[in-house]
Amino acid sequence: MNWYLKVLKQYADFSGRARRKEYWMFVLFNIIFAIAAMILDTVLGIGFAGFGPIYGLYLLAMLIPSIAVGVRRLHDIGKSGWMMLVIFIPFVGGIWLLILFILEGQAGTNEYGPNPKE
């Protein structure tokens, strides 16, 4: 849970680096909370097939932190945050971005800051 809170504390911080663990723990908790919001929408009867205002507000609130942690994750492997835009390449963009997020971070300091593992 500490990793999720760290990402939220750095809500709109697009500088620095994020370890793989920080990124993937954020993704895991984000999925869990999104599912909980969908269930809450359904239980309250205000959503259609789970998609309702609580889920929509949650997605909207997590948009900037998700982009920020993704950019910091790309910085960890030595790539520019603008590489996030490869997601818009049909078919291969999402796969390419997934592979970049899975890669090991650069050892030592790179142009985006010191290694967060050290």
Protein backbone atom coordinates (compact mmCIF):
# COMPACT_ATOMS: atom_id res chain seq x y z
CA MET A 1 0.00 0.00 0.00
CA ASN A 2 2.99 2.26 0.58
CA TRP A 3 3.76 2.27 -3.16
CA TYR A 4 0.22 3.34 -4.00
CA LEU A 5 0.44 6.23 -1.53
CA LYS A 6 3.86 7.24 -2.88
CA VAL A 7 2.40 7.54 -6.37
CA LEU A 8 -0.50 9.60 -5.06
CA LYS A 9 1.88 11.89 -3.15
CA GLN A 10 3.70 12.47 -6.44
CA TYR A 11 0.33 13.13 -8.10
CA ALA A 12 1.62 15.24 -10.99
CA ASP A 13 5.37 14.72 -10.67
CA PHE A 14 6.64 13.79 -14.11
CA SER A 15 10.32 14.03 -13.16
CA GLY A 16 12.50 11.37 -11.61
CA ARG A 17 12.34 7.62 -11.86
CA ALA A 18 9.94 4.90 -10.70
CA ARG A 19 11.00 1.33 -10.04
CA ARG A 20 9.15 -1.59 -11.58
CA LYS A 21 7.75 -2.55 -8.19
CA GLU A 22 6.34 0.95 -7.64
CA TYR A 23 4.70 0.96 -11.07
CA TRP A 24 3.21 -2.54 -10.97
CA MET A 25 1.99 -2.22 -7.38
CA PHE A 26 0.21 0.98 -8.40
CA VAL A 27 -1.35 -0.84 -11.37
CA LEU A 28 -2.47 -3.71 -9.11
CA PHE A 29 -4.10 -1.45 -6.52
CA ASN A 30 -5.59 0.70 -9.26
CA ILE A 31 -7.30 -2.35 -10.77
CA ILE A 32 -8.56 -3.48 -7.35
CA PHE A 33 -10.02 -0.05 -6.52
CA ALA A 34 -11.54 0.28 -10.01
CA ILE A 35 -13.30 -3.06 -9.60
CA ALA A 36 -14.52 -1.98 -6.16
CA ALA A 37 -15.91 1.23 -7.69
CA MET A 38 -17.69 -0.79 -10.39
CA ILE A 39 -19.19 -3.10 -7.76
CA LEU A 40 -20.31 -0.11 -5.69
CA ASP A 41 -21.97 1.42 -8.76
CA THR A 42 -23.80 -1.85 -9.41
CA VAL A 43 -24.86 -2.36 -5.78
CA LEU A 44 -26.19 1.19 -5.56
CA GLY A 45 -28.01 0.69 -8.86
CA ILE A 46 -26.48 3.79 -10.43
CA GLY A 47 -24.35 2.05 -13.02
CA PHE A 48 -24.95 0.18 -16.22
CA ALA A 49 -22.95 -3.08 -16.35
CA GLY A 50 -20.67 -1.71 -13.62
CA PHE A 51 -19.89 1.55 -15.38
CA GLY A 52 -21.34 4.38 -13.35
CA PRO A 53 -20.48 7.75 -11.85
CA ILE A 54 -18.31 6.41 -9.00
CA TYR A 55 -16.21 4.39 -11.45
CA GLY A 56 -16.02 7.34 -13.83
CA LEU A 57 -14.92 9.73 -11.10
CA TYR A 58 -12.31 7.22 -9.91
CA LEU A 59 -10.90 6.88 -13.43
CA LEU A 60 -10.83 10.64 -13.83
CA ALA A 61 -9.07 11.09 -10.48
CA MET A 62 -6.43 8.47 -11.35
CA LEU A 63 -5.72 9.72 -14.89
CA ILE A 64 -2.89 12.12 -14.06
CA PRO A 65 -1.21 9.90 -11.42
CA SER A 66 -1.30 6.97 -13.89
CA ILE A 67 0.35 9.02 -16.62
CA ALA A 68 2.89 10.46 -14.16
CA VAL A 69 3.99 7.07 -12.81
CA GLY A 70 4.17 5.72 -16.39
CA VAL A 71 6.42 8.59 -17.41
CA ARG A 72 8.65 8.05 -14.36
CA ARG A 73 8.79 4.32 -15.19
CA LEU A 74 9.97 5.14 -18.72
CA HIS A 75 12.57 7.49 -17.22
CA ASP A 76 13.87 4.55 -15.17
CA ILE A 77 14.76 2.66 -18.34
CA GLY A 78 16.28 5.77 -19.93
CA LYS A 79 13.39 6.63 -22.25
CA SER A 80 11.62 9.94 -22.63
CA GLY A 81 8.15 10.29 -21.17
CA TRP A 82 6.93 11.09 -24.67
CA MET A 83 7.31 7.36 -25.41
CA MET A 84 3.90 7.01 -23.69
CA LEU A 85 2.44 8.17 -26.99
CA VAL A 86 3.34 4.84 -28.65
CA ILE A 87 0.09 3.58 -27.14
CA PHE A 88 -1.66 5.31 -30.05
CA ILE A 89 0.05 3.08 -32.63
CA PRO A 90 -2.61 0.51 -33.55
CA PHE A 91 -2.00 -3.11 -32.52
CA VAL A 92 1.70 -2.86 -31.59
CA GLY A 93 1.74 0.32 -29.48
CA GLY A 94 0.25 -1.24 -26.36
CA ILE A 95 2.46 -4.31 -26.60
CA TRP A 96 5.56 -2.16 -27.09
CA LEU A 97 4.69 0.00 -24.08
CA LEU A 98 4.04 -3.10 -21.95
CA ILE A 99 7.47 -4.45 -22.85
CA LEU A 100 9.07 -1.11 -21.94
CA PHE A 101 7.31 -1.14 -18.55
CA ILE A 102 8.57 -4.69 -17.88
CA LEU A 103 12.23 -3.92 -18.63
CA GLU A 104 14.79 -3.61 -15.83
CA GLY A 105 15.72 -0.03 -14.95
CA GLN A 106 19.11 1.38 -15.85
CA ALA A 107 21.76 0.83 -13.21
CA GLY A 108 23.23 3.93 -11.68
CA THR A 109 22.28 7.48 -12.47
CA ASN A 110 20.84 8.41 -15.85
CA GLU A 111 19.72 11.77 -17.26
CA TYR A 112 16.45 11.55 -15.30
CA GLY A 113 17.99 11.07 -11.86
CA PRO A 114 19.56 8.55 -9.52
CA ASN A 115 18.58 4.91 -9.49
CA PRO A 116 15.63 4.52 -7.06
CA LYS A 117 16.87 1.07 -6.05
CA GLU A 118 20.02 2.52 -4.49
